[in-house]
Amino acid sequence: QPMKTIAITVFGTRVSSRLDCAEGVLLVTLDGSIVKNRELVRLVQTNAWEKINTLLQLGIDVLICGGVPDIYANKLRDSGMQVIPWVRGEAEDVLSNFLAGKLSKRDTVQQRRI
């Protein structure tokens, strides 16, 4: 099983409520379900498209985020990234749930357009 990079957009210690307002992204490298590496990458850009482009350059396989406008989600998905939107809570809890296979559709808030 190849290494996988999971990214969680964060604001403080929580999943950022909106992708375009994220101040950073928690990058977690997985070997199967074992965490091999983790780092916090700051998203210093204020422009949403620049943030998207930065995310595209990080080699992310799965992006876990809060609210995300369709136009950005589609751009990320077009690159082959799996996007799990509308997730809330502490980033560490969300990561644990993801690793345990519990981050299913029922945990995500009902989709709404923004």
C-alpha atoms as a PDB file:
ATOM      1  CA  GLN A   1       0.000   0.000   0.000  1.00  0.00           C
ATOM      2  CA  PRO A   2       1.567   3.279  -1.066  1.00  0.00           C
ATOM      3  CA  MET A   3       2.119   6.203   1.262  1.00  0.00           C
ATOM      4  CA  LYS A   4      -0.810   8.578   1.449  1.00  0.00           C
ATOM      5  CA  THR A   5      -0.938  12.231   2.376  1.00  0.00           C
ATOM      6  CA  ILE A   6      -3.967  13.426   4.328  1.00  0.00           C
ATOM      7  CA  ALA A   7      -4.523  17.143   4.839  1.00  0.00           C
ATOM      8  CA  ILE A   8      -6.848  18.836   7.319  1.00  0.00           C
ATOM      9  CA  THR A   9      -7.426  22.570   6.902  1.00  0.00           C
ATOM     10  CA  VAL A  10      -7.169  24.220  10.295  1.00  0.00           C
ATOM     11  CA  PHE A  11      -7.858  27.450  12.120  1.00  0.00           C
ATOM     12  CA  GLY A  12      -6.176  27.201  15.505  1.00  0.00           C
ATOM     13  CA  THR A  13      -6.662  23.607  16.655  1.00  0.00           C
ATOM     14  CA  ARG A  14      -9.992  23.118  14.886  1.00  0.00           C
ATOM     15  CA  VAL A  15     -10.991  22.275  11.362  1.00  0.00           C
ATOM     16  CA  SER A  16     -11.449  25.660   9.698  1.00  0.00           C
ATOM     17  CA  SER A  17     -15.130  26.434   9.160  1.00  0.00           C
ATOM     18  CA  ARG A  18     -14.354  27.523   5.610  1.00  0.00           C
ATOM     19  CA  LEU A  19     -11.568  26.303   3.375  1.00  0.00           C
ATOM     20  CA  ASP A  20     -10.825  29.800   2.107  1.00  0.00           C
ATOM     21  CA  CYS A  21     -10.381  31.076   5.691  1.00  0.00           C
ATOM     22  CA  ALA A  22      -7.946  28.346   6.764  1.00  0.00           C
ATOM     23  CA  GLU A  23      -4.744  29.648   8.341  1.00  0.00           C
ATOM     24  CA  GLY A  24      -2.932  26.389   7.843  1.00  0.00           C
ATOM     25  CA  VAL A  25      -3.134  22.768   6.864  1.00  0.00           C
ATOM     26  CA  LEU A  26      -2.155  19.774   8.977  1.00  0.00           C
ATOM     27  CA  LEU A  27      -0.309  17.399   6.643  1.00  0.00           C
ATOM     28  CA  VAL A  28      -0.206  13.787   7.760  1.00  0.00           C
ATOM     29  CA  THR A  29       1.728  11.119   5.864  1.00  0.00           C
ATOM     30  CA  LEU A  30       0.292   7.637   6.292  1.00  0.00           C
ATOM     31  CA  ASP A  31       1.829   4.243   5.646  1.00  0.00           C
ATOM     32  CA  GLY A  32      -1.341   2.181   5.651  1.00  0.00           C
ATOM     33  CA  SER A  33      -2.992   3.455   8.831  1.00  0.00           C
ATOM     34  CA  ILE A  34       0.278   4.301  10.577  1.00  0.00           C
ATOM     35  CA  VAL A  35       1.204   7.976  10.887  1.00  0.00           C
ATOM     36  CA  LYS A  36       4.751   8.361   9.543  1.00  0.00           C
ATOM     37  CA  ASN A  37       5.050  12.111   9.552  1.00  0.00           C
ATOM     38  CA  ARG A  38       3.024  15.191  10.375  1.00  0.00           C
ATOM     39  CA  GLU A  39       3.626  18.862   9.866  1.00  0.00           C
ATOM     40  CA  LEU A  40       1.673  22.080   9.967  1.00  0.00           C
ATOM     41  CA  VAL A  41       1.956  24.139   6.806  1.00  0.00           C
ATOM     42  CA  ARG A  42       0.888  27.762   7.157  1.00  0.00           C
ATOM     43  CA  LEU A  43      -1.352  29.158   4.445  1.00  0.00           C
ATOM     44  CA  VAL A  44      -0.185  32.745   4.417  1.00  0.00           C
ATOM     45  CA  GLN A  45      -1.995  33.639   1.216  1.00  0.00           C
ATOM     46  CA  THR A  46      -5.099  35.749   1.617  1.00  0.00           C
ATOM     47  CA  ASN A  47      -6.409  35.003  -1.863  1.00  0.00           C
ATOM     48  CA  ALA A  48      -8.517  31.833  -1.963  1.00  0.00           C
ATOM     49  CA  TRP A  49      -7.218  30.717  -5.368  1.00  0.00           C
ATOM     50  CA  GLU A  50      -3.637  31.041  -4.131  1.00  0.00           C
ATOM     51  CA  LYS A  51      -4.539  28.818  -1.177  1.00  0.00           C
ATOM     52  CA  ILE A  52      -6.040  26.288  -3.581  1.00  0.00           C
ATOM     53  CA  ASN A  53      -2.896  26.358  -5.720  1.00  0.00           C
ATOM     54  CA  THR A  54      -0.741  25.810  -2.632  1.00  0.00           C
ATOM     55  CA  LEU A  55      -2.877  22.814  -1.671  1.00  0.00           C
ATOM     56  CA  LEU A  56      -2.470  21.432  -5.192  1.00  0.00           C
ATOM     57  CA  GLN A  57       1.317  21.681  -4.887  1.00  0.00           C
ATOM     58  CA  LEU A  58       1.472  19.733  -1.607  1.00  0.00           C
ATOM     59  CA  GLY A  59       0.723  16.347  -3.185  1.00  0.00           C
ATOM     60  CA  ILE A  60      -2.369  15.728  -1.063  1.00  0.00           C
ATOM     61  CA  ASP A  61      -4.400  12.547  -1.595  1.00  0.00           C
ATOM     62  CA  VAL A  62      -7.265  13.290   0.803  1.00  0.00           C
ATOM     63  CA  LEU A  63      -8.349  16.752   1.934  1.00  0.00           C
ATOM     64  CA  ILE A  64     -10.580  17.033   4.999  1.00  0.00           C
ATOM     65  CA  CYS A  65     -12.113  20.475   5.383  1.00  0.00           C
ATOM     66  CA  GLY A  66     -15.084  22.503   6.529  1.00  0.00           C
ATOM     67  CA  GLY A  67     -17.270  24.476   4.155  1.00  0.00           C
ATOM     68  CA  VAL A  68     -15.928  24.731   0.645  1.00  0.00           C
ATOM     69  CA  PRO A  69     -17.514  26.472  -2.339  1.00  0.00           C
ATOM     70  CA  ASP A  70     -18.155  24.071  -5.232  1.00  0.00           C
ATOM     71  CA  ILE A  71     -15.843  25.990  -7.540  1.00  0.00           C
ATOM     72  CA  TYR A  72     -12.856  25.205  -5.282  1.00  0.00           C
ATOM     73  CA  ALA A  73     -13.926  21.646  -4.469  1.00  0.00           C
ATOM     74  CA  ASN A  74     -14.273  20.864  -8.170  1.00  0.00           C
ATOM     75  CA  LYS A  75     -10.826  22.274  -8.932  1.00  0.00           C
ATOM     76  CA  LEU A  76      -9.274  20.091  -6.217  1.00  0.00           C
ATOM     77  CA  ARG A  77     -11.207  16.996  -7.280  1.00  0.00           C
ATOM     78  CA  ASP A  78     -10.212  17.543 -10.908  1.00  0.00           C
ATOM     79  CA  SER A  79      -6.599  17.097  -9.793  1.00  0.00           C
ATOM     80  CA  GLY A  80      -7.446  13.654  -8.403  1.00  0.00           C
ATOM     81  CA  MET A  81      -7.705  14.729  -4.770  1.00  0.00           C
ATOM     82  CA  GLN A  82     -10.416  13.184  -2.604  1.00  0.00           C
ATOM     83  CA  VAL A  83     -12.256  15.987  -0.807  1.00  0.00           C
ATOM     84  CA  ILE A  84     -14.217  15.312   2.392  1.00  0.00           C
ATOM     85  CA  PRO A  85     -16.032  18.595   3.129  1.00  0.00           C
ATOM     86  CA  TRP A  86     -18.359  19.877   5.862  1.00  0.00           C
ATOM     87  CA  VAL A  87     -16.347  18.352   8.692  1.00  0.00           C
ATOM     88  CA  ARG A  88     -16.246  20.099  12.073  1.00  0.00           C
ATOM     89  CA  GLY A  89     -14.374  19.702  15.330  1.00  0.00           C
ATOM     90  CA  GLU A  90     -10.881  19.463  16.750  1.00  0.00           C
ATOM     91  CA  ALA A  91      -8.382  18.505  14.055  1.00  0.00           C
ATOM     92  CA  GLU A  92      -6.890  15.732  16.222  1.00  0.00           C
ATOM     93  CA  ASP A  93     -10.316  14.143  16.807  1.00  0.00           C
ATOM     94  CA  VAL A  94     -11.100  14.352  13.115  1.00  0.00           C
ATOM     95  CA  LEU A  95      -7.782  12.693  12.258  1.00  0.00           C
ATOM     96  CA  SER A  96      -8.456   9.889  14.769  1.00  0.00           C
ATOM     97  CA  ASN A  97     -11.907   9.339  13.302  1.00  0.00           C
ATOM     98  CA  PHE A  98     -10.488   9.267   9.782  1.00  0.00           C
ATOM     99  CA  LEU A  99      -7.840   6.700  10.766  1.00  0.00           C
ATOM    100  CA  ALA A 100     -10.515   4.576  12.436  1.00  0.00           C
ATOM    101  CA  GLY A 101     -12.607   4.691   9.261  1.00  0.00           C
ATOM    102  CA  LYS A 102     -15.337   6.617  11.056  1.00  0.00           C
ATOM    103  CA  LEU A 103     -15.272   9.750   8.962  1.00  0.00           C
ATOM    104  CA  SER A 104     -18.259   8.737   6.917  1.00  0.00           C
ATOM    105  CA  LYS A 105     -20.910  10.762   5.170  1.00  0.00           C
ATOM    106  CA  ARG A 106     -23.203  10.637   8.203  1.00  0.00           C
ATOM    107  CA  ASP A 107     -20.657  12.562  10.279  1.00  0.00           C
ATOM    108  CA  THR A 108     -20.527  15.415   7.845  1.00  0.00           C
ATOM    109  CA  VAL A 109     -23.030  18.192   8.139  1.00  0.00           C
ATOM    110  CA  GLN A 110     -25.722  18.263   5.476  1.00  0.00           C
ATOM    111  CA  GLN A 111     -24.266  19.807   2.374  1.00  0.00           C
ATOM    112  CA  ARG A 112     -25.225  23.343   1.756  1.00  0.00           C
ATOM    113  CA  ARG A 113     -24.002  25.685  -0.891  1.00  0.00           C
ATOM    114  CA  ILE A 114     -21.813  28.645   0.006  1.00  0.00           C
END
